[in-house]
Amino acid sequence: MKLPASILCALAILTGCMSPDDIRLAKTRELRIGMTTAEVEKLLGKPRSTERFEMGTTTANPWPGLVWKYEGIRAIFQNPEAPRLNAWITN
């Protein structure tokens, strides 16, 4: 029997095998370009902090951006007024 990912994550936390931050990092495999902030929040939870800034400043057409910061993850959105996931970085 195959267990759902949410049950496996809960078991990993309860048994001390993985921290919540480790679980969140593992969930980055489910991120997809174009996801809304609501979809990202449902998957990863609320970010620890957010930041707005201008991206692509060395290009001919810079654009406004939004970054959600998690422990070990940065989710980068284009257009803060109607944000869609553009990229993510793990560190």
PDB file of N, CA and C in Angstrom:
ATOM      1  N   MET A   1       0.833  -1.169   0.000  1.00  0.00           N
ATOM      2  CA  MET A   1       0.000   0.000   0.000  1.00  0.00           C
ATOM      3  C   MET A   1       0.887   1.244   0.000  1.00  0.00           C
ATOM      4  N   LYS A   2       0.610   2.168  -0.902  1.00  0.00           N
ATOM      5  CA  LYS A   2       1.382   3.405  -1.005  1.00  0.00           C
ATOM      6  C   LYS A   2       0.722   4.477  -0.140  1.00  0.00           C
ATOM      7  N   LEU A   3       1.514   5.069   0.775  1.00  0.00           N
ATOM      8  CA  LEU A   3       0.995   6.109   1.657  1.00  0.00           C
ATOM      9  C   LEU A   3       1.113   7.478   0.997  1.00  0.00           C
ATOM     10  N   PRO A   4       0.125   8.370   1.238  1.00  0.00           N
ATOM     11  CA  PRO A   4       0.209   9.733   0.702  1.00  0.00           C
ATOM     12  C   PRO A   4       1.411  10.466   1.286  1.00  0.00           C
ATOM     13  N   ALA A   5       1.940  11.419   0.524  1.00  0.00           N
ATOM     14  CA  ALA A   5       3.117  12.179   0.942  1.00  0.00           C
ATOM     15  C   ALA A   5       2.894  12.888   2.270  1.00  0.00           C
ATOM     16  N   SER A   6       1.690  13.406   2.511  1.00  0.00           N
ATOM     17  CA  SER A   6       1.419  14.124   3.757  1.00  0.00           C
ATOM     18  C   SER A   6       1.546  13.198   4.971  1.00  0.00           C
ATOM     19  N   ILE A   7       1.128  11.950   4.834  1.00  0.00           N
ATOM     20  CA  ILE A   7       1.249  10.988   5.941  1.00  0.00           C
ATOM     21  C   ILE A   7       2.716  10.616   6.146  1.00  0.00           C
ATOM     22  N   LEU A   8       3.450  10.423   5.058  1.00  0.00           N
ATOM     23  CA  LEU A   8       4.873  10.118   5.172  1.00  0.00           C
ATOM     24  C   LEU A   8       5.627  11.267   5.845  1.00  0.00           C
ATOM     25  N   CYS A   9       5.275  12.495   5.499  1.00  0.00           N
ATOM     26  CA  CYS A   9       5.913  13.662   6.120  1.00  0.00           C
ATOM     27  C   CYS A   9       5.612  13.718   7.603  1.00  0.00           C
ATOM     28  N   ALA A  10       4.353  13.485   7.978  1.00  0.00           N
ATOM     29  CA  ALA A  10       3.970  13.496   9.392  1.00  0.00           C
ATOM     30  C   ALA A  10       4.724  12.419  10.162  1.00  0.00           C
ATOM     31  N   LEU A  11       4.835  11.237   9.591  1.00  0.00           N
ATOM     32  CA  LEU A  11       5.571  10.162  10.243  1.00  0.00           C
ATOM     33  C   LEU A  11       7.052  10.511  10.413  1.00  0.00           C
ATOM     34  N   ALA A  12       7.626  11.137   9.398  1.00  0.00           N
ATOM     35  CA  ALA A  12       9.041  11.522   9.473  1.00  0.00           C
ATOM     36  C   ALA A  12       9.273  12.540  10.577  1.00  0.00           C
ATOM     37  N   ILE A  13       8.354  13.480  10.733  1.00  0.00           N
ATOM     38  CA  ILE A  13       8.483  14.486  11.795  1.00  0.00           C
ATOM     39  C   ILE A  13       8.291  13.846  13.161  1.00  0.00           C
ATOM     40  N   LEU A  14       7.246  13.032  13.298  1.00  0.00           N
ATOM     41  CA  LEU A  14       6.933  12.417  14.592  1.00  0.00           C
ATOM     42  C   LEU A  14       8.036  11.478  15.064  1.00  0.00           C
ATOM     43  N   THR A  15       8.682  10.805  14.155  1.00  0.00           N
ATOM     44  CA  THR A  15       9.744   9.877  14.539  1.00  0.00           C
ATOM     45  C   THR A  15      11.098  10.572  14.664  1.00  0.00           C
ATOM     46  N   GLY A  16      11.133  11.868  14.372  1.00  0.00           N
ATOM     47  CA  GLY A  16      12.369  12.627  14.503  1.00  0.00           C
ATOM     48  C   GLY A  16      13.337  12.446  13.357  1.00  0.00           C
ATOM     49  N   CYS A  17      12.882  11.827  12.279  1.00  0.00           N
ATOM     50  CA  CYS A  17      13.763  11.598  11.134  1.00  0.00           C
ATOM     51  C   CYS A  17      14.025  12.878  10.340  1.00  0.00           C
ATOM     52  N   MET A  18      13.029  13.754  10.284  1.00  0.00           N
ATOM     53  CA  MET A  18      13.166  14.973   9.497  1.00  0.00           C
ATOM     54  C   MET A  18      12.543  16.140  10.245  1.00  0.00           C
ATOM     55  N   SER A  19      13.154  17.305  10.126  1.00  0.00           N
ATOM     56  CA  SER A  19      12.599  18.515  10.714  1.00  0.00           C
ATOM     57  C   SER A  19      11.560  19.101   9.760  1.00  0.00           C
ATOM     58  N   PRO A  20      10.702  20.008  10.229  1.00  0.00           N
ATOM     59  CA  PRO A  20       9.752  20.663   9.323  1.00  0.00           C
ATOM     60  C   PRO A  20      10.455  21.381   8.163  1.00  0.00           C
ATOM     61  N   ASP A  21      11.631  21.961   8.420  1.00  0.00           N
ATOM     62  CA  ASP A  21      12.368  22.628   7.345  1.00  0.00           C
ATOM     63  C   ASP A  21      12.864  21.618   6.313  1.00  0.00           C
ATOM     64  N   ASP A  22      13.287  20.431   6.758  1.00  0.00           N
ATOM     65  CA  ASP A  22      13.704  19.377   5.827  1.00  0.00           C
ATOM     66  C   ASP A  22      12.527  18.937   4.960  1.00  0.00           C
ATOM     67  N   ILE A  23      11.364  18.816   5.586  1.00  0.00           N
ATOM     68  CA  ILE A  23      10.159  18.422   4.840  1.00  0.00           C
ATOM     69  C   ILE A  23       9.840  19.471   3.786  1.00  0.00           C
ATOM     70  N   ARG A  24       9.903  20.746   4.167  1.00  0.00           N
ATOM     71  CA  ARG A  24       9.616  21.834   3.229  1.00  0.00           C
ATOM     72  C   ARG A  24      10.587  21.780   2.052  1.00  0.00           C
ATOM     73  N   LEU A  25      11.852  21.553   2.334  1.00  0.00           N
ATOM     74  CA  LEU A  25      12.850  21.471   1.269  1.00  0.00           C
ATOM     75  C   LEU A  25      12.534  20.309   0.328  1.00  0.00           C
ATOM     76  N   ALA A  26      12.102  19.195   0.867  1.00  0.00           N
ATOM     77  CA  ALA A  26      11.737  18.042   0.039  1.00  0.00           C
ATOM     78  C   ALA A  26      10.535  18.364  -0.853  1.00  0.00           C
ATOM     79  N   LYS A  27       9.656  19.229  -0.383  1.00  0.00           N
ATOM     80  CA  LYS A  27       8.460  19.573  -1.159  1.00  0.00           C
ATOM     81  C   LYS A  27       8.761  20.450  -2.364  1.00  0.00           C
ATOM     82  N   THR A  28       9.980  20.982  -2.459  1.00  0.00           N
ATOM     83  CA  THR A  28      10.308  21.814  -3.621  1.00  0.00           C
ATOM     84  C   THR A  28      10.190  21.025  -4.922  1.00  0.00           C
ATOM     85  N   ARG A  29      10.235  19.699  -4.841  1.00  0.00           N
ATOM     86  CA  ARG A  29      10.055  18.884  -6.047  1.00  0.00           C
ATOM     87  C   ARG A  29       8.670  19.063  -6.647  1.00  0.00           C
ATOM     88  N   GLU A  30       7.714  19.552  -5.835  1.00  0.00           N
ATOM     89  CA  GLU A  30       6.350  19.741  -6.315  1.00  0.00           C
ATOM     90  C   GLU A  30       6.089  21.161  -6.826  1.00  0.00           C
ATOM     91  N   LEU A  31       7.068  22.071  -6.681  1.00  0.00           N
ATOM     92  CA  LEU A  31       6.905  23.431  -7.188  1.00  0.00           C
ATOM     93  C   LEU A  31       6.903  23.429  -8.707  1.00  0.00           C
ATOM     94  N   ARG A  32       6.094  24.306  -9.287  1.00  0.00           N
ATOM     95  CA  ARG A  32       6.020  24.439 -10.744  1.00  0.00           C
ATOM     96  C   ARG A  32       5.976  25.913 -11.106  1.00  0.00           C
ATOM     97  N   ILE A  33       6.676  26.300 -12.147  1.00  0.00           N
ATOM     98  CA  ILE A  33       6.633  27.673 -12.637  1.00  0.00           C
ATOM     99  C   ILE A  33       5.188  28.011 -12.994  1.00  0.00           C
ATOM    100  N   GLY A  34       4.764  29.214 -12.596  1.00  0.00           N
ATOM    101  CA  GLY A  34       3.408  29.669 -12.877  1.00  0.00           C
ATOM    102  C   GLY A  34       2.441  29.483 -11.716  1.00  0.00           C
ATOM    103  N   MET A  35       2.895  28.828 -10.630  1.00  0.00           N
ATOM    104  CA  MET A  35       2.015  28.635  -9.477  1.00  0.00           C
ATOM    105  C   MET A  35       1.673  29.984  -8.842  1.00  0.00           C
ATOM    106  N   THR A  36       0.471  30.103  -8.289  1.00  0.00           N
ATOM    107  CA  THR A  36       0.071  31.311  -7.585  1.00  0.00           C
ATOM    108  C   THR A  36       0.667  31.300  -6.177  1.00  0.00           C
ATOM    109  N   THR A  37       0.610  32.439  -5.509  1.00  0.00           N
ATOM    110  CA  THR A  37       1.104  32.501  -4.137  1.00  0.00           C
ATOM    111  C   THR A  37       0.279  31.588  -3.236  1.00  0.00           C
ATOM    112  N   ALA A  38      -1.020  31.473  -3.505  1.00  0.00           N
ATOM    113  CA  ALA A  38      -1.871  30.584  -2.700  1.00  0.00           C
ATOM    114  C   ALA A  38      -1.429  29.129  -2.848  1.00  0.00           C
ATOM    115  N   GLU A  39      -1.070  28.717  -4.053  1.00  0.00           N
ATOM    116  CA  GLU A  39      -0.614  27.346  -4.285  1.00  0.00           C
ATOM    117  C   GLU A  39       0.723  27.086  -3.599  1.00  0.00           C
ATOM    118  N   VAL A  40       1.628  28.073  -3.661  1.00  0.00           N
ATOM    119  CA  VAL A  40       2.935  27.917  -3.014  1.00  0.00           C
ATOM    120  C   VAL A  40       2.752  27.872  -1.502  1.00  0.00           C
ATOM    121  N   GLU A  41       1.889  28.742  -0.976  1.00  0.00           N
ATOM    122  CA  GLU A  41       1.649  28.754   0.471  1.00  0.00           C
ATOM    123  C   GLU A  41       1.007  27.451   0.940  1.00  0.00           C
ATOM    124  N   LYS A  42       0.123  26.893   0.157  1.00  0.00           N
ATOM    125  CA  LYS A  42      -0.500  25.616   0.514  1.00  0.00           C
ATOM    126  C   LYS A  42       0.550  24.508   0.582  1.00  0.00           C
ATOM    127  N   LEU A  43       1.529  24.563  -0.312  1.00  0.00           N
ATOM    128  CA  LEU A  43       2.573  23.542  -0.365  1.00  0.00           C
ATOM    129  C   LEU A  43       3.648  23.746   0.700  1.00  0.00           C
ATOM    130  N   LEU A  44       4.139  24.990   0.840  1.00  0.00           N
ATOM    131  CA  LEU A  44       5.288  25.256   1.705  1.00  0.00           C
ATOM    132  C   LEU A  44       4.957  25.952   3.020  1.00  0.00           C
ATOM    133  N   GLY A  45       3.734  26.450   3.147  1.00  0.00           N
ATOM    134  CA  GLY A  45       3.371  27.211   4.338  1.00  0.00           C
ATOM    135  C   GLY A  45       3.691  28.683   4.158  1.00  0.00           C
ATOM    136  N   LYS A  46       3.463  29.461   5.213  1.00  0.00           N
ATOM    137  CA  LYS A  46       3.731  30.895   5.156  1.00  0.00           C
ATOM    138  C   LYS A  46       5.236  31.136   5.155  1.00  0.00           C
ATOM    139  N   PRO A  47       5.690  32.114   4.354  1.00  0.00           N
ATOM    140  CA  PRO A  47       7.121  32.412   4.330  1.00  0.00           C
ATOM    141  C   PRO A  47       7.555  33.098   5.621  1.00  0.00           C
ATOM    142  N   ARG A  48       8.838  32.988   5.936  1.00  0.00           N
ATOM    143  CA  ARG A  48       9.385  33.677   7.115  1.00  0.00           C
ATOM    144  C   ARG A  48       9.448  35.174   6.886  1.00  0.00           C
ATOM    145  N   SER A  49       9.728  35.571   5.643  1.00  0.00           N
ATOM    146  CA  SER A  49       9.739  36.990   5.290  1.00  0.00           C
ATOM    147  C   SER A  49       9.520  37.129   3.784  1.00  0.00           C
ATOM    148  N   THR A  50       9.171  38.350   3.374  1.00  0.00           N
ATOM    149  CA  THR A  50       8.976  38.640   1.960  1.00  0.00           C
ATOM    150  C   THR A  50       9.731  39.920   1.626  1.00  0.00           C
ATOM    151  N   GLU A  51      10.038  40.080   0.359  1.00  0.00           N
ATOM    152  CA  GLU A  51      10.762  41.268  -0.085  1.00  0.00           C
ATOM    153  C   GLU A  51      10.355  41.584  -1.518  1.00  0.00           C
ATOM    154  N   ARG A  52      10.074  42.868  -1.777  1.00  0.00           N
ATOM    155  CA  ARG A  52       9.803  43.329  -3.143  1.00  0.00           C
ATOM    156  C   ARG A  52      11.032  44.067  -3.650  1.00  0.00           C
ATOM    157  N   PHE A  53      11.360  43.860  -4.913  1.00  0.00           N
ATOM    158  CA  PHE A  53      12.471  44.600  -5.498  1.00  0.00           C
ATOM    159  C   PHE A  53      12.411  44.495  -7.012  1.00  0.00           C
ATOM    160  N   GLU A  54      13.228  45.299  -7.672  1.00  0.00           N
ATOM    161  CA  GLU A  54      13.285  45.275  -9.123  1.00  0.00           C
ATOM    162  C   GLU A  54      14.274  44.208  -9.567  1.00  0.00           C
ATOM    163  N   MET A  55      13.820  43.337 -10.446  1.00  0.00           N
ATOM    164  CA  MET A  55      14.654  42.246 -10.947  1.00  0.00           C
ATOM    165  C   MET A  55      15.119  42.574 -12.361  1.00  0.00           C
ATOM    166  N   GLY A  56      16.178  41.921 -12.789  1.00  0.00           N
ATOM    167  CA  GLY A  56      16.684  42.117 -14.141  1.00  0.00           C
ATOM    168  C   GLY A  56      17.226  43.511 -14.383  1.00  0.00           C
ATOM    169  N   THR A  57      17.819  44.109 -13.368  1.00  0.00           N
ATOM    170  CA  THR A  57      18.299  45.486 -13.493  1.00  0.00           C
ATOM    171  C   THR A  57      19.424  45.642 -14.508  1.00  0.00           C
ATOM    172  N   THR A  58      20.073  44.551 -14.870  1.00  0.00           N
ATOM    173  CA  THR A  58      21.145  44.641 -15.868  1.00  0.00           C
ATOM    174  C   THR A  58      20.629  44.347 -17.277  1.00  0.00           C
ATOM    175  N   THR A  59      19.315  44.228 -17.419  1.00  0.00           N
ATOM    176  CA  THR A  59      18.718  43.968 -18.735  1.00  0.00           C
ATOM    177  C   THR A  59      18.038  45.233 -19.253  1.00  0.00           C
ATOM    178  N   ALA A  60      17.597  45.195 -20.487  1.00  0.00           N
ATOM    179  CA  ALA A  60      16.913  46.345 -21.092  1.00  0.00           C
ATOM    180  C   ALA A  60      15.521  46.557 -20.501  1.00  0.00           C
ATOM    181  N   ASN A  61      14.919  45.487 -19.962  1.00  0.00           N
ATOM    182  CA  ASN A  61      13.552  45.585 -19.439  1.00  0.00           C
ATOM    183  C   ASN A  61      13.444  45.001 -18.029  1.00  0.00           C
ATOM    184  N   PRO A  62      13.869  45.754 -16.999  1.00  0.00           N
ATOM    185  CA  PRO A  62      13.721  45.251 -15.636  1.00  0.00           C
ATOM    186  C   PRO A  62      12.239  45.099 -15.280  1.00  0.00           C
ATOM    187  N   TRP A  63      11.948  44.258 -14.292  1.00  0.00           N
ATOM    188  CA  TRP A  63      10.565  44.004 -13.898  1.00  0.00           C
ATOM    189  C   TRP A  63      10.476  43.929 -12.378  1.00  0.00           C
ATOM    190  N   PRO A  64       9.279  44.217 -11.846  1.00  0.00           N
ATOM    191  CA  PRO A  64       9.108  44.120 -10.392  1.00  0.00           C
ATOM    192  C   PRO A  64       9.042  42.663  -9.963  1.00  0.00           C
ATOM    193  N   GLY A  65       9.634  42.370  -8.834  1.00  0.00           N
ATOM    194  CA  GLY A  65       9.639  40.994  -8.341  1.00  0.00           C
ATOM    195  C   GLY A  65       9.293  40.913  -6.870  1.00  0.00           C
ATOM    196  N   LEU A  66       8.997  39.730  -6.431  1.00  0.00           N
ATOM    197  CA  LEU A  66       8.640  39.435  -5.059  1.00  0.00           C
ATOM    198  C   LEU A  66       9.367  38.154  -4.672  1.00  0.00           C
ATOM    199  N   VAL A  67      10.004  38.159  -3.509  1.00  0.00           N
ATOM    200  CA  VAL A  67      10.701  36.962  -3.031  1.00  0.00           C
ATOM    201  C   VAL A  67      10.108  36.557  -1.698  1.00  0.00           C
ATOM    202  N   TRP A  68       9.722  35.289  -1.587  1.00  0.00           N
ATOM    203  CA  TRP A  68       9.293  34.712  -0.315  1.00  0.00           C
ATOM    204  C   TRP A  68      10.470  33.911   0.209  1.00  0.00           C
ATOM    205  N   LYS A  69      10.863  34.197   1.447  1.00  0.00           N
ATOM    206  CA  LYS A  69      12.015  33.517   2.037  1.00  0.00           C
ATOM    207  C   LYS A  69      11.564  32.493   3.072  1.00  0.00           C
ATOM    208  N   TYR A  70      12.066  31.278   2.906  1.00  0.00           N
ATOM    209  CA  TYR A  70      11.871  30.176   3.840  1.00  0.00           C
ATOM    210  C   TYR A  70      13.251  29.750   4.307  1.00  0.00           C
ATOM    211  N   GLU A  71      13.315  28.882   5.277  1.00  0.00           N
ATOM    212  CA  GLU A  71      14.601  28.317   5.690  1.00  0.00           C
ATOM    213  C   GLU A  71      15.110  27.436   4.554  1.00  0.00           C
ATOM    214  N   GLY A  72      16.184  27.859   3.900  1.00  0.00           N
ATOM    215  CA  GLY A  72      16.789  27.071   2.834  1.00  0.00           C
ATOM    216  C   GLY A  72      16.141  27.197   1.473  1.00  0.00           C
ATOM    217  N   ILE A  73      15.117  28.037   1.336  1.00  0.00           N
ATOM    218  CA  ILE A  73      14.405  28.172   0.058  1.00  0.00           C
ATOM    219  C   ILE A  73      14.070  29.642  -0.182  1.00  0.00           C
ATOM    220  N   ARG A  74      14.191  30.065  -1.432  1.00  0.00           N
ATOM    221  CA  ARG A  74      13.721  31.371  -1.865  1.00  0.00           C
ATOM    222  C   ARG A  74      12.777  31.128  -3.038  1.00  0.00           C
ATOM    223  N   ALA A  75      11.524  31.581  -2.924  1.00  0.00           N
ATOM    224  CA  ALA A  75      10.554  31.479  -4.012  1.00  0.00           C
ATOM    225  C   ALA A  75      10.461  32.858  -4.661  1.00  0.00           C
ATOM    226  N   ILE A  76      10.675  32.928  -5.966  1.00  0.00           N
ATOM    227  CA  ILE A  76      10.740  34.195  -6.689  1.00  0.00           C
ATOM    228  C   ILE A  76       9.527  34.308  -7.606  1.00  0.00           C
ATOM    229  N   PHE A  77       8.786  35.398  -7.419  1.00  0.00           N
ATOM    230  CA  PHE A  77       7.576  35.654  -8.193  1.00  0.00           C
ATOM    231  C   PHE A  77       7.771  36.884  -9.064  1.00  0.00           C
ATOM    232  N   GLN A  78       7.172  36.895 -10.245  1.00  0.00           N
ATOM    233  CA  GLN A  78       7.126  38.092 -11.084  1.00  0.00           C
ATOM    234  C   GLN A  78       5.828  38.817 -10.791  1.00  0.00           C
ATOM    235  N   ASN A  79       5.808  40.114 -11.039  1.00  0.00           N
ATOM    236  CA  ASN A  79       4.624  40.952 -10.926  1.00  0.00           C
ATOM    237  C   ASN A  79       3.948  40.821  -9.559  1.00  0.00           C
ATOM    238  N   PRO A  80       4.408  41.578  -8.572  1.00  0.00           N
ATOM    239  CA  PRO A  80       3.834  41.489  -7.225  1.00  0.00           C
ATOM    240  C   PRO A  80       2.322  41.754  -7.158  1.00  0.00           C
ATOM    241  N   GLU A  81       1.756  42.420  -8.169  1.00  0.00           N
ATOM    242  CA  GLU A  81       0.314  42.697  -8.161  1.00  0.00           C
ATOM    243  C   GLU A  81      -0.505  41.450  -8.484  1.00  0.00           C
ATOM    244  N   ALA A  82       0.012  40.565  -9.291  1.00  0.00           N
ATOM    245  CA  ALA A  82      -0.639  39.286  -9.626  1.00  0.00           C
ATOM    246  C   ALA A  82       0.458  38.239  -9.712  1.00  0.00           C
ATOM    247  N   PRO A  83       1.088  37.903  -8.563  1.00  0.00           N
ATOM    248  CA  PRO A  83       2.300  37.081  -8.588  1.00  0.00           C
ATOM    249  C   PRO A  83       2.091  35.651  -9.071  1.00  0.00           C
ATOM    250  N   ARG A  84       3.048  35.229  -9.879  1.00  0.00           N
ATOM    251  CA  ARG A  84       3.159  33.843 -10.345  1.00  0.00           C
ATOM    252  C   ARG A  84       4.600  33.408 -10.109  1.00  0.00           C
ATOM    253  N   LEU A  85       4.771  32.182  -9.670  1.00  0.00           N
ATOM    254  CA  LEU A  85       6.107  31.673  -9.391  1.00  0.00           C
ATOM    255  C   LEU A  85       6.941  31.648 -10.658  1.00  0.00           C
ATOM    256  N   ASN A  86       8.117  32.255 -10.580  1.00  0.00           N
ATOM    257  CA  ASN A  86       9.014  32.329 -11.732  1.00  0.00           C
ATOM    258  C   ASN A  86      10.212  31.400 -11.552  1.00  0.00           C
ATOM    259  N   ALA A  87      10.665  31.251 -10.306  1.00  0.00           N
ATOM    260  CA  ALA A  87      11.837  30.408 -10.019  1.00  0.00           C
ATOM    261  C   ALA A  87      11.913  30.169  -8.530  1.00  0.00           C
ATOM    262  N   TRP A  88      12.770  29.227  -8.130  1.00  0.00           N
ATOM    263  CA  TRP A  88      13.049  29.018  -6.729  1.00  0.00           C
ATOM    264  C   TRP A  88      14.494  28.603  -6.584  1.00  0.00           C
ATOM    265  N   ILE A  89      15.052  28.945  -5.437  1.00  0.00           N
ATOM    266  CA  ILE A  89      16.450  28.666  -5.155  1.00  0.00           C
ATOM    267  C   ILE A  89      16.517  27.933  -3.824  1.00  0.00           C
ATOM    268  N   THR A  90      17.285  26.873  -3.768  1.00  0.00           N
ATOM    269  CA  THR A  90      17.520  26.188  -2.501  1.00  0.00           C
ATOM    270  C   THR A  90      18.975  26.403  -2.124  1.00  0.00           C
ATOM    271  N   ASN A  91      19.220  26.534  -0.834  1.00  0.00           N
ATOM    272  CA  ASN A  91      20.602  26.721  -0.379  1.00  0.00           C
ATOM    273  C   ASN A  91      20.828  26.008   0.907  1.00  0.00           C
TER     274      ASN A  91
END
